[in-house]
Amino acid sequence: MTWLPAPAVTVPVLLAGLAVVDGAFAGFRAATGRNARIRKRDYALAAARRGAAVSVPGLAVTAVVSLTGAAGEGHRYRDLVEAGTRMLAVLAPFAAVVILSLVAYWLLPLRESTFMILVGLGPLTLARPAVVAAAVAAAGLGSRDWLIWAAAVTAAVGVLLVEPWVHRRWYREPL
């Protein structure tokens, strides 16, 4: 018999994990092109750590909104988990395509990895706000509960503000 955690735990953990990983990538994107050094692995890792760290307050706000609104009402928490599942249905395929593009970028020779940036990662970065908006719409699909909309919108705002915040705080000027 296989033990699987309940959706009440799995869905919030997956969404939080996705937000932190997205924050790390946002931090990396904020720093990209700002450093002309050849060896910049430490620079890129620091940028990713900053992005991940900046994503945490947005998660905290979303958790406070969600848990405060659902306190003592099990059915509201269930509704939030269902909304989170709908968000994952939008975000997971996008994340999978991004991960496949990154793997191809890292493993392919120079010409092909450059091609992956042009057809994969570049357009996916541009599509990211629309995908986040679609995830918010999916979360609220058919719901008139203010809590579901508040949780989805605070999560979206928290995720979308990471890159501009990191860029303005640490990477405004090139090295």
N, C-alpha and C. Protein backbone atom coordinates (compact mmCIF):
# COMPACT_ATOMS: atom_id res chain seq x y z
N MET A 1 0.84 -1.18 0.00
CA MET A 1 0.00 0.00 0.00
C MET A 1 0.89 1.25 0.00
N THR A 2 0.60 2.15 -0.89
CA THR A 2 1.39 3.36 -1.03
C THR A 2 0.73 4.48 -0.24
N TRP A 3 1.56 5.22 0.48
CA TRP A 3 1.05 6.35 1.24
C TRP A 3 1.19 7.61 0.41
N LEU A 4 0.10 8.31 0.21
CA LEU A 4 0.11 9.59 -0.48
C LEU A 4 -0.50 10.64 0.43
N PRO A 5 0.12 11.80 0.52
CA PRO A 5 -0.47 12.84 1.36
C PRO A 5 -1.80 13.32 0.79
N ALA A 6 -2.65 13.80 1.65
CA ALA A 6 -3.96 14.29 1.25
C ALA A 6 -3.82 15.55 0.41
N PRO A 7 -4.78 15.78 -0.50
CA PRO A 7 -4.73 17.02 -1.30
C PRO A 7 -4.70 18.28 -0.43
N ALA A 8 -5.27 18.21 0.77
CA ALA A 8 -5.28 19.37 1.65
C ALA A 8 -3.87 19.79 2.03
N VAL A 9 -2.91 18.88 1.93
CA VAL A 9 -1.51 19.19 2.21
C VAL A 9 -0.74 19.34 0.90
N THR A 10 -0.97 18.43 -0.03
CA THR A 10 -0.21 18.38 -1.28
C THR A 10 -0.38 19.63 -2.12
N VAL A 11 -1.61 20.08 -2.30
CA VAL A 11 -1.88 21.22 -3.18
C VAL A 11 -1.19 22.49 -2.67
N PRO A 12 -1.35 22.86 -1.40
CA PRO A 12 -0.64 24.06 -0.93
C PRO A 12 0.88 23.92 -1.00
N VAL A 13 1.39 22.73 -0.71
CA VAL A 13 2.84 22.53 -0.77
C VAL A 13 3.35 22.66 -2.21
N LEU A 14 2.63 22.08 -3.16
CA LEU A 14 3.03 22.20 -4.56
C LEU A 14 2.97 23.65 -5.05
N LEU A 15 1.91 24.35 -4.69
CA LEU A 15 1.80 25.75 -5.09
C LEU A 15 2.90 26.61 -4.46
N ALA A 16 3.19 26.37 -3.18
CA ALA A 16 4.26 27.12 -2.51
C ALA A 16 5.61 26.80 -3.14
N GLY A 17 5.85 25.53 -3.42
CA GLY A 17 7.11 25.13 -4.06
C GLY A 17 7.26 25.77 -5.42
N LEU A 18 6.19 25.78 -6.19
CA LEU A 18 6.22 26.42 -7.51
C LEU A 18 6.51 27.91 -7.38
N ALA A 19 5.93 28.56 -6.38
CA ALA A 19 6.16 30.00 -6.18
C ALA A 19 7.61 30.30 -5.82
N VAL A 20 8.21 29.47 -4.97
CA VAL A 20 9.60 29.70 -4.57
C VAL A 20 10.55 29.43 -5.74
N VAL A 21 10.31 28.35 -6.49
CA VAL A 21 11.15 28.06 -7.65
C VAL A 21 10.98 29.17 -8.70
N ASP A 22 9.75 29.61 -8.92
CA ASP A 22 9.51 30.72 -9.84
C ASP A 22 10.24 31.97 -9.35
N GLY A 23 10.23 32.20 -8.04
CA GLY A 23 10.95 33.34 -7.47
C GLY A 23 12.44 33.26 -7.74
N ALA A 24 13.00 32.05 -7.62
CA ALA A 24 14.42 31.86 -7.91
C ALA A 24 14.72 32.19 -9.37
N PHE A 25 13.88 31.71 -10.27
CA PHE A 25 14.07 32.02 -11.69
C PHE A 25 13.88 33.52 -11.95
N ALA A 26 12.93 34.14 -11.25
CA ALA A 26 12.71 35.58 -11.42
C ALA A 26 13.94 36.36 -10.95
N GLY A 27 14.54 35.94 -9.86
CA GLY A 27 15.77 36.58 -9.40
C GLY A 27 16.88 36.44 -10.41
N PHE A 28 17.00 35.25 -10.98
CA PHE A 28 18.01 35.02 -12.01
C PHE A 28 17.75 35.92 -13.22
N ARG A 29 16.47 35.98 -13.67
CA ARG A 29 16.14 36.82 -14.82
C ARG A 29 16.43 38.29 -14.54
N ALA A 30 16.18 38.74 -13.30
CA ALA A 30 16.44 40.14 -12.95
C ALA A 30 17.92 40.48 -13.06
N ALA A 31 18.78 39.51 -12.82
CA ALA A 31 20.22 39.75 -12.86
C ALA A 31 20.83 39.49 -14.23
N THR A 32 20.12 38.79 -15.08
CA THR A 32 20.66 38.42 -16.39
C THR A 32 20.98 39.66 -17.22
N GLY A 33 22.16 39.63 -17.82
CA GLY A 33 22.60 40.73 -18.67
C GLY A 33 23.17 41.91 -17.91
N ARG A 34 23.29 41.80 -16.60
CA ARG A 34 23.80 42.91 -15.79
C ARG A 34 25.26 42.72 -15.41
N ASN A 35 25.84 41.58 -15.77
CA ASN A 35 27.20 41.24 -15.36
C ASN A 35 27.97 40.75 -16.59
N ALA A 36 29.05 41.43 -16.93
CA ALA A 36 29.82 41.08 -18.12
C ALA A 36 30.94 40.08 -17.84
N ARG A 37 31.06 39.62 -16.62
CA ARG A 37 32.11 38.66 -16.30
C ARG A 37 31.88 37.34 -17.02
N ILE A 38 32.95 36.61 -17.24
CA ILE A 38 32.84 35.30 -17.87
C ILE A 38 32.35 34.26 -16.87
N ARG A 39 32.97 34.22 -15.74
CA ARG A 39 32.57 33.26 -14.70
C ARG A 39 31.62 33.96 -13.73
N LYS A 40 30.35 33.64 -13.85
CA LYS A 40 29.37 34.33 -13.01
C LYS A 40 28.41 33.36 -12.34
N ARG A 41 28.87 32.15 -12.09
CA ARG A 41 28.01 31.17 -11.44
C ARG A 41 27.57 31.66 -10.05
N ASP A 42 28.51 32.16 -9.25
CA ASP A 42 28.16 32.65 -7.92
C ASP A 42 27.18 33.82 -8.00
N TYR A 43 27.38 34.68 -8.97
CA TYR A 43 26.49 35.82 -9.20
C TYR A 43 25.07 35.33 -9.50
N ALA A 44 24.95 34.34 -10.40
CA ALA A 44 23.64 33.80 -10.78
C ALA A 44 22.98 33.08 -9.61
N LEU A 45 23.76 32.34 -8.84
CA LEU A 45 23.20 31.65 -7.68
C LEU A 45 22.72 32.64 -6.62
N ALA A 46 23.48 33.70 -6.41
CA ALA A 46 23.06 34.74 -5.45
C ALA A 46 21.76 35.39 -5.92
N ALA A 47 21.66 35.65 -7.21
CA ALA A 47 20.44 36.25 -7.75
C ALA A 47 19.25 35.31 -7.56
N ALA A 48 19.45 34.02 -7.80
CA ALA A 48 18.37 33.04 -7.61
C ALA A 48 17.97 32.96 -6.14
N ARG A 49 18.95 32.98 -5.24
CA ARG A 49 18.63 32.96 -3.80
C ARG A 49 17.84 34.20 -3.40
N ARG A 50 18.23 35.34 -3.94
CA ARG A 50 17.50 36.58 -3.63
C ARG A 50 16.06 36.50 -4.12
N GLY A 51 15.87 36.00 -5.32
CA GLY A 51 14.52 35.85 -5.85
C GLY A 51 13.67 34.90 -5.02
N ALA A 52 14.27 33.78 -4.62
CA ALA A 52 13.54 32.83 -3.78
C ALA A 52 13.17 33.46 -2.45
N ALA A 53 14.11 34.21 -1.86
CA ALA A 53 13.85 34.85 -0.57
C ALA A 53 12.76 35.92 -0.70
N VAL A 54 12.77 36.67 -1.79
CA VAL A 54 11.77 37.72 -1.99
C VAL A 54 10.38 37.11 -2.23
N SER A 55 10.32 35.88 -2.72
CA SER A 55 9.02 35.25 -2.96
C SER A 55 8.32 34.84 -1.66
N VAL A 56 9.08 34.67 -0.60
CA VAL A 56 8.50 34.17 0.66
C VAL A 56 7.50 35.13 1.28
N PRO A 57 7.75 36.44 1.34
CA PRO A 57 6.71 37.32 1.91
C PRO A 57 5.38 37.26 1.16
N GLY A 58 5.43 37.14 -0.16
CA GLY A 58 4.19 36.99 -0.93
C GLY A 58 3.44 35.73 -0.55
N LEU A 59 4.21 34.64 -0.33
CA LEU A 59 3.59 33.40 0.14
C LEU A 59 2.98 33.59 1.51
N ALA A 60 3.67 34.31 2.38
CA ALA A 60 3.17 34.53 3.73
C ALA A 60 1.86 35.31 3.71
N VAL A 61 1.79 36.34 2.87
CA VAL A 61 0.55 37.12 2.76
C VAL A 61 -0.59 36.23 2.27
N THR A 62 -0.31 35.42 1.26
CA THR A 62 -1.33 34.51 0.73
C THR A 62 -1.78 33.52 1.80
N ALA A 63 -0.84 32.99 2.56
CA ALA A 63 -1.18 32.03 3.62
C ALA A 63 -2.03 32.70 4.69
N VAL A 64 -1.68 33.92 5.08
CA VAL A 64 -2.46 34.62 6.11
C VAL A 64 -3.88 34.89 5.61
N VAL A 65 -4.00 35.37 4.38
CA VAL A 65 -5.33 35.63 3.81
C VAL A 65 -6.14 34.33 3.77
N SER A 66 -5.53 33.26 3.28
CA SER A 66 -6.24 31.99 3.12
C SER A 66 -6.63 31.38 4.45
N LEU A 67 -5.68 31.29 5.35
CA LEU A 67 -5.94 30.61 6.62
C LEU A 67 -6.82 31.44 7.55
N THR A 68 -6.68 32.75 7.51
CA THR A 68 -7.54 33.60 8.33
C THR A 68 -8.98 33.53 7.84
N GLY A 69 -9.16 33.58 6.54
CA GLY A 69 -10.50 33.51 5.97
C GLY A 69 -11.17 32.17 6.15
N ALA A 70 -10.38 31.10 6.19
CA ALA A 70 -10.93 29.76 6.29
C ALA A 70 -10.92 29.22 7.71
N ALA A 71 -10.47 30.02 8.66
CA ALA A 71 -10.34 29.55 10.05
C ALA A 71 -11.67 29.02 10.58
N GLY A 72 -11.64 27.80 11.07
CA GLY A 72 -12.81 27.20 11.68
C GLY A 72 -13.87 26.71 10.70
N GLU A 73 -13.65 26.89 9.43
CA GLU A 73 -14.63 26.46 8.44
C GLU A 73 -13.97 25.48 7.48
N GLY A 74 -14.14 24.20 7.74
CA GLY A 74 -13.51 23.15 6.93
C GLY A 74 -13.91 23.20 5.48
N HIS A 75 -15.17 23.54 5.21
CA HIS A 75 -15.64 23.57 3.81
C HIS A 75 -14.94 24.68 3.03
N ARG A 76 -14.61 25.79 3.68
CA ARG A 76 -13.91 26.87 2.97
C ARG A 76 -12.48 26.45 2.64
N TYR A 77 -11.83 25.73 3.55
CA TYR A 77 -10.49 25.24 3.25
C TYR A 77 -10.55 24.25 2.09
N ARG A 78 -11.57 23.38 2.10
CA ARG A 78 -11.75 22.45 0.96
C ARG A 78 -11.94 23.22 -0.34
N ASP A 79 -12.71 24.30 -0.29
CA ASP A 79 -12.91 25.12 -1.49
C ASP A 79 -11.59 25.74 -1.95
N LEU A 80 -10.76 26.17 -1.00
CA LEU A 80 -9.45 26.72 -1.35
C LEU A 80 -8.56 25.65 -1.99
N VAL A 81 -8.62 24.44 -1.46
CA VAL A 81 -7.81 23.35 -2.03
C VAL A 81 -8.29 23.04 -3.44
N GLU A 82 -9.60 23.04 -3.66
CA GLU A 82 -10.13 22.81 -5.01
C GLU A 82 -9.70 23.93 -5.96
N ALA A 83 -9.72 25.17 -5.48
CA ALA A 83 -9.26 26.29 -6.31
C ALA A 83 -7.76 26.15 -6.61
N GLY A 84 -7.00 25.72 -5.62
CA GLY A 84 -5.57 25.49 -5.83
C GLY A 84 -5.32 24.37 -6.83
N THR A 85 -6.16 23.36 -6.82
CA THR A 85 -6.04 22.27 -7.79
C THR A 85 -6.29 22.78 -9.20
N ARG A 86 -7.28 23.66 -9.34
CA ARG A 86 -7.54 24.26 -10.65
C ARG A 86 -6.37 25.14 -11.10
N MET A 87 -5.75 25.85 -10.14
CA MET A 87 -4.57 26.65 -10.48
C MET A 87 -3.44 25.75 -10.96
N LEU A 88 -3.24 24.63 -10.27
CA LEU A 88 -2.19 23.69 -10.66
C LEU A 88 -2.44 23.12 -12.05
N ALA A 89 -3.71 22.94 -12.40
CA ALA A 89 -4.02 22.42 -13.74
C ALA A 89 -3.55 23.38 -14.83
N VAL A 90 -3.47 24.67 -14.52
CA VAL A 90 -2.97 25.65 -15.47
C VAL A 90 -1.45 25.79 -15.36
N LEU A 91 -0.95 25.84 -14.12
CA LEU A 91 0.47 26.13 -13.90
C LEU A 91 1.39 24.93 -14.15
N ALA A 92 0.94 23.72 -13.84
CA ALA A 92 1.82 22.55 -13.97
C ALA A 92 2.26 22.28 -15.41
N PRO A 93 1.37 22.34 -16.40
CA PRO A 93 1.85 22.14 -17.78
C PRO A 93 2.84 23.22 -18.21
N PHE A 94 2.59 24.46 -17.81
CA PHE A 94 3.52 25.54 -18.13
C PHE A 94 4.87 25.28 -17.48
N ALA A 95 4.87 24.90 -16.21
CA ALA A 95 6.12 24.60 -15.50
C ALA A 95 6.85 23.44 -16.16
N ALA A 96 6.11 22.43 -16.60
CA ALA A 96 6.74 21.28 -17.26
C ALA A 96 7.43 21.69 -18.55
N VAL A 97 6.80 22.55 -19.33
CA VAL A 97 7.40 23.03 -20.58
C VAL A 97 8.65 23.86 -20.28
N VAL A 98 8.58 24.70 -19.25
CA VAL A 98 9.75 25.49 -18.86
C VAL A 98 10.90 24.57 -18.44
N ILE A 99 10.60 23.56 -17.64
CA ILE A 99 11.63 22.64 -17.18
C ILE A 99 12.24 21.88 -18.36
N LEU A 100 11.41 21.41 -19.28
CA LEU A 100 11.94 20.73 -20.47
C LEU A 100 12.82 21.66 -21.30
N SER A 101 12.42 22.92 -21.42
CA SER A 101 13.23 23.89 -22.17
C SER A 101 14.57 24.13 -21.48
N LEU A 102 14.55 24.20 -20.15
CA LEU A 102 15.80 24.39 -19.41
C LEU A 102 16.72 23.19 -19.54
N VAL A 103 16.15 22.01 -19.45
CA VAL A 103 16.96 20.79 -19.61
C VAL A 103 17.58 20.76 -20.99
N ALA A 104 16.80 21.08 -22.01
CA ALA A 104 17.32 21.11 -23.37
C ALA A 104 18.41 22.18 -23.49
N TYR A 105 18.20 23.33 -22.88
CA TYR A 105 19.19 24.40 -22.92
C TYR A 105 20.52 23.95 -22.30
N TRP A 106 20.44 23.25 -21.16
CA TRP A 106 21.65 22.82 -20.47
C TRP A 106 22.36 21.66 -21.17
N LEU A 107 21.61 20.79 -21.84
CA LEU A 107 22.19 19.57 -22.39
C LEU A 107 22.59 19.66 -23.85
N LEU A 108 21.97 20.54 -24.60
CA LEU A 108 22.24 20.59 -26.03
C LEU A 108 23.51 21.40 -26.33
N PRO A 109 24.09 21.18 -27.51
CA PRO A 109 25.23 22.00 -27.93
C PRO A 109 24.83 23.47 -28.06
N LEU A 110 25.83 24.33 -28.21
CA LEU A 110 25.62 25.79 -28.19
C LEU A 110 24.54 26.27 -29.15
N ARG A 111 24.59 25.87 -30.40
CA ARG A 111 23.63 26.35 -31.39
C ARG A 111 22.20 25.94 -31.01
N GLU A 112 22.02 24.69 -30.64
CA GLU A 112 20.68 24.20 -30.28
C GLU A 112 20.20 24.81 -28.96
N SER A 113 21.11 25.01 -28.01
CA SER A 113 20.69 25.62 -26.74
C SER A 113 20.29 27.08 -26.96
N THR A 114 20.97 27.77 -27.86
CA THR A 114 20.57 29.13 -28.21
C THR A 114 19.19 29.13 -28.85
N PHE A 115 18.93 28.14 -29.68
CA PHE A 115 17.61 27.99 -30.30
C PHE A 115 16.53 27.80 -29.22
N MET A 116 16.86 27.04 -28.18
CA MET A 116 15.90 26.82 -27.09
C MET A 116 15.56 28.13 -26.39
N ILE A 117 16.53 29.02 -26.26
CA ILE A 117 16.26 30.33 -25.66
C ILE A 117 15.30 31.11 -26.55
N LEU A 118 15.54 31.06 -27.86
CA LEU A 118 14.73 31.85 -28.79
C LEU A 118 13.30 31.36 -28.90
N VAL A 119 13.10 30.05 -28.97
CA VAL A 119 11.75 29.52 -29.18
C VAL A 119 11.08 29.03 -27.90
N GLY A 120 11.86 28.81 -26.86
CA GLY A 120 11.29 28.27 -25.63
C GLY A 120 11.26 29.27 -24.50
N LEU A 121 12.42 29.51 -23.93
CA LEU A 121 12.47 30.28 -22.69
C LEU A 121 12.09 31.75 -22.88
N GLY A 122 12.48 32.36 -23.97
CA GLY A 122 12.11 33.76 -24.21
C GLY A 122 10.60 33.96 -24.27
N PRO A 123 9.92 33.27 -25.18
CA PRO A 123 8.47 33.43 -25.26
C PRO A 123 7.74 32.97 -23.98
N LEU A 124 8.27 31.95 -23.33
CA LEU A 124 7.62 31.50 -22.09
C LEU A 124 7.71 32.56 -21.01
N THR A 125 8.81 33.30 -20.96
CA THR A 125 8.95 34.39 -20.00
C THR A 125 7.92 35.48 -20.31
N LEU A 126 7.72 35.77 -21.57
CA LEU A 126 6.72 36.77 -21.95
C LEU A 126 5.30 36.31 -21.65
N ALA A 127 5.06 35.01 -21.77
CA ALA A 127 3.72 34.46 -21.54
C ALA A 127 3.40 34.29 -20.05
N ARG A 128 4.41 34.35 -19.20
CA ARG A 128 4.24 34.06 -17.78
C ARG A 128 3.13 34.88 -17.11
N PRO A 129 3.05 36.21 -17.28
CA PRO A 129 1.95 36.94 -16.64
C PRO A 129 0.57 36.48 -17.11
N ALA A 130 0.44 36.15 -18.38
CA ALA A 130 -0.85 35.66 -18.90
C ALA A 130 -1.19 34.31 -18.30
N VAL A 131 -0.19 33.46 -18.11
CA VAL A 131 -0.43 32.14 -17.49
C VAL A 131 -0.85 32.32 -16.04
N VAL A 132 -0.21 33.25 -15.34
CA VAL A 132 -0.59 33.52 -13.95
C VAL A 132 -2.02 34.05 -13.89
N ALA A 133 -2.38 34.94 -14.80
CA ALA A 133 -3.75 35.46 -14.85
C ALA A 133 -4.74 34.34 -15.15
N ALA A 134 -4.38 33.43 -16.05
CA ALA A 134 -5.25 32.29 -16.36
C ALA A 134 -5.41 31.39 -15.15
N ALA A 135 -4.35 31.24 -14.36
CA ALA A 135 -4.44 30.43 -13.14
C ALA A 135 -5.38 31.08 -12.12
N VAL A 136 -5.34 32.40 -12.01
CA VAL A 136 -6.27 33.10 -11.12
C VAL A 136 -7.71 32.90 -11.59
N ALA A 137 -7.92 33.03 -12.89
CA ALA A 137 -9.26 32.83 -13.45
C ALA A 137 -9.74 31.40 -13.21
N ALA A 138 -8.83 30.43 -13.37
CA ALA A 138 -9.20 29.04 -13.13
C ALA A 138 -9.54 28.80 -11.67
N ALA A 139 -8.80 29.44 -10.77
CA ALA A 139 -9.06 29.27 -9.34
C ALA A 139 -10.46 29.77 -8.98
N GLY A 140 -10.83 30.90 -9.56
CA GLY A 140 -12.13 31.48 -9.24
C GLY A 140 -13.28 31.00 -10.09
N LEU A 141 -13.00 30.06 -10.99
CA LEU A 141 -14.00 29.56 -11.92
C LEU A 141 -15.27 29.13 -11.18
N GLY A 142 -16.35 29.83 -11.44
CA GLY A 142 -17.63 29.47 -10.86
C GLY A 142 -17.79 29.80 -9.39
N SER A 143 -16.85 30.52 -8.82
CA SER A 143 -16.91 30.83 -7.39
C SER A 143 -17.26 32.29 -7.17
N ARG A 144 -18.10 32.50 -6.19
CA ARG A 144 -18.41 33.87 -5.77
C ARG A 144 -17.83 34.15 -4.39
N ASP A 145 -17.05 33.23 -3.90
CA ASP A 145 -16.45 33.37 -2.57
C ASP A 145 -15.28 34.34 -2.64
N TRP A 146 -15.35 35.41 -1.88
CA TRP A 146 -14.30 36.42 -1.88
C TRP A 146 -12.96 35.84 -1.47
N LEU A 147 -12.98 34.83 -0.60
CA LEU A 147 -11.74 34.26 -0.09
C LEU A 147 -10.92 33.59 -1.20
N ILE A 148 -11.60 32.88 -2.08
CA ILE A 148 -10.89 32.21 -3.18
C ILE A 148 -10.26 33.26 -4.09
N TRP A 149 -11.01 34.29 -4.42
CA TRP A 149 -10.46 35.35 -5.27
C TRP A 149 -9.33 36.09 -4.57
N ALA A 150 -9.50 36.38 -3.28
CA ALA A 150 -8.47 37.10 -2.53
C ALA A 150 -7.18 36.28 -2.46
N ALA A 151 -7.30 34.99 -2.19
CA ALA A 151 -6.12 34.13 -2.12
C ALA A 151 -5.43 34.03 -3.47
N ALA A 152 -6.21 33.84 -4.53
CA ALA A 152 -5.62 33.71 -5.87
C ALA A 152 -4.95 35.01 -6.32
N VAL A 153 -5.60 36.13 -6.07
CA VAL A 153 -5.03 37.41 -6.50
C VAL A 153 -3.79 37.75 -5.68
N THR A 154 -3.81 37.54 -4.36
CA THR A 154 -2.61 37.83 -3.57
C THR A 154 -1.45 36.92 -3.98
N ALA A 155 -1.75 35.68 -4.30
CA ALA A 155 -0.69 34.77 -4.78
C ALA A 155 -0.12 35.27 -6.10
N ALA A 156 -0.98 35.68 -7.01
CA ALA A 156 -0.53 36.17 -8.32
C ALA A 156 0.30 37.43 -8.18
N VAL A 157 -0.16 38.36 -7.39
CA VAL A 157 0.57 39.61 -7.19
C VAL A 157 1.93 39.32 -6.55
N GLY A 158 1.94 38.44 -5.56
CA GLY A 158 3.20 38.08 -4.91
C GLY A 158 4.20 37.48 -5.89
N VAL A 159 3.73 36.63 -6.77
CA VAL A 159 4.62 35.98 -7.75
C VAL A 159 5.10 36.98 -8.80
N LEU A 160 4.21 37.83 -9.27
CA LEU A 160 4.58 38.75 -10.35
C LEU A 160 5.42 39.93 -9.88
N LEU A 161 5.45 40.22 -8.59
CA LEU A 161 6.25 41.34 -8.10
C LEU A 161 7.70 40.97 -7.78
N VAL A 162 8.01 39.69 -7.75
CA VAL A 162 9.36 39.28 -7.35
C VAL A 162 10.42 39.85 -8.29
N GLU A 163 10.28 39.62 -9.58
CA GLU A 163 11.30 40.05 -10.53
C GLU A 163 11.53 41.57 -10.52
N PRO A 164 10.48 42.40 -10.60
CA PRO A 164 10.73 43.85 -10.55
C PRO A 164 11.37 44.29 -9.23
N TRP A 165 10.94 43.66 -8.13
CA TRP A 165 11.51 44.03 -6.83
C TRP A 165 13.00 43.70 -6.77
N VAL A 166 13.36 42.49 -7.17
CA VAL A 166 14.77 42.07 -7.15
C VAL A 166 15.58 42.95 -8.10
N HIS A 167 15.03 43.21 -9.26
CA HIS A 167 15.74 44.04 -10.24
C HIS A 167 16.02 45.43 -9.67
N ARG A 168 15.02 46.06 -9.10
CA ARG A 168 15.19 47.41 -8.57
C ARG A 168 16.08 47.43 -7.33
N ARG A 169 16.00 46.41 -6.53
CA ARG A 169 16.77 46.38 -5.27
C ARG A 169 18.25 46.10 -5.50
N TRP A 170 18.58 45.13 -6.37
CA TRP A 170 19.97 44.67 -6.49
C TRP A 170 20.60 44.88 -7.86
N TYR A 171 19.81 44.96 -8.91
CA TYR A 171 20.40 44.90 -10.25
C TYR A 171 20.03 46.08 -11.13
N ARG A 172 19.81 47.21 -10.53
CA ARG A 172 19.45 48.39 -11.30
C ARG A 172 20.59 48.83 -12.22
N GLU A 173 21.82 48.75 -11.72
CA GLU A 173 23.00 49.18 -12.48
C GLU A 173 23.82 47.96 -12.86
N PRO A 174 24.33 47.90 -14.09
CA PRO A 174 25.21 46.78 -14.47
C PRO A 174 26.54 46.87 -13.75
N LEU A 175 27.19 45.70 -13.61
CA LEU A 175 28.53 45.67 -12.98
C LEU A 175 29.59 46.08 -13.96
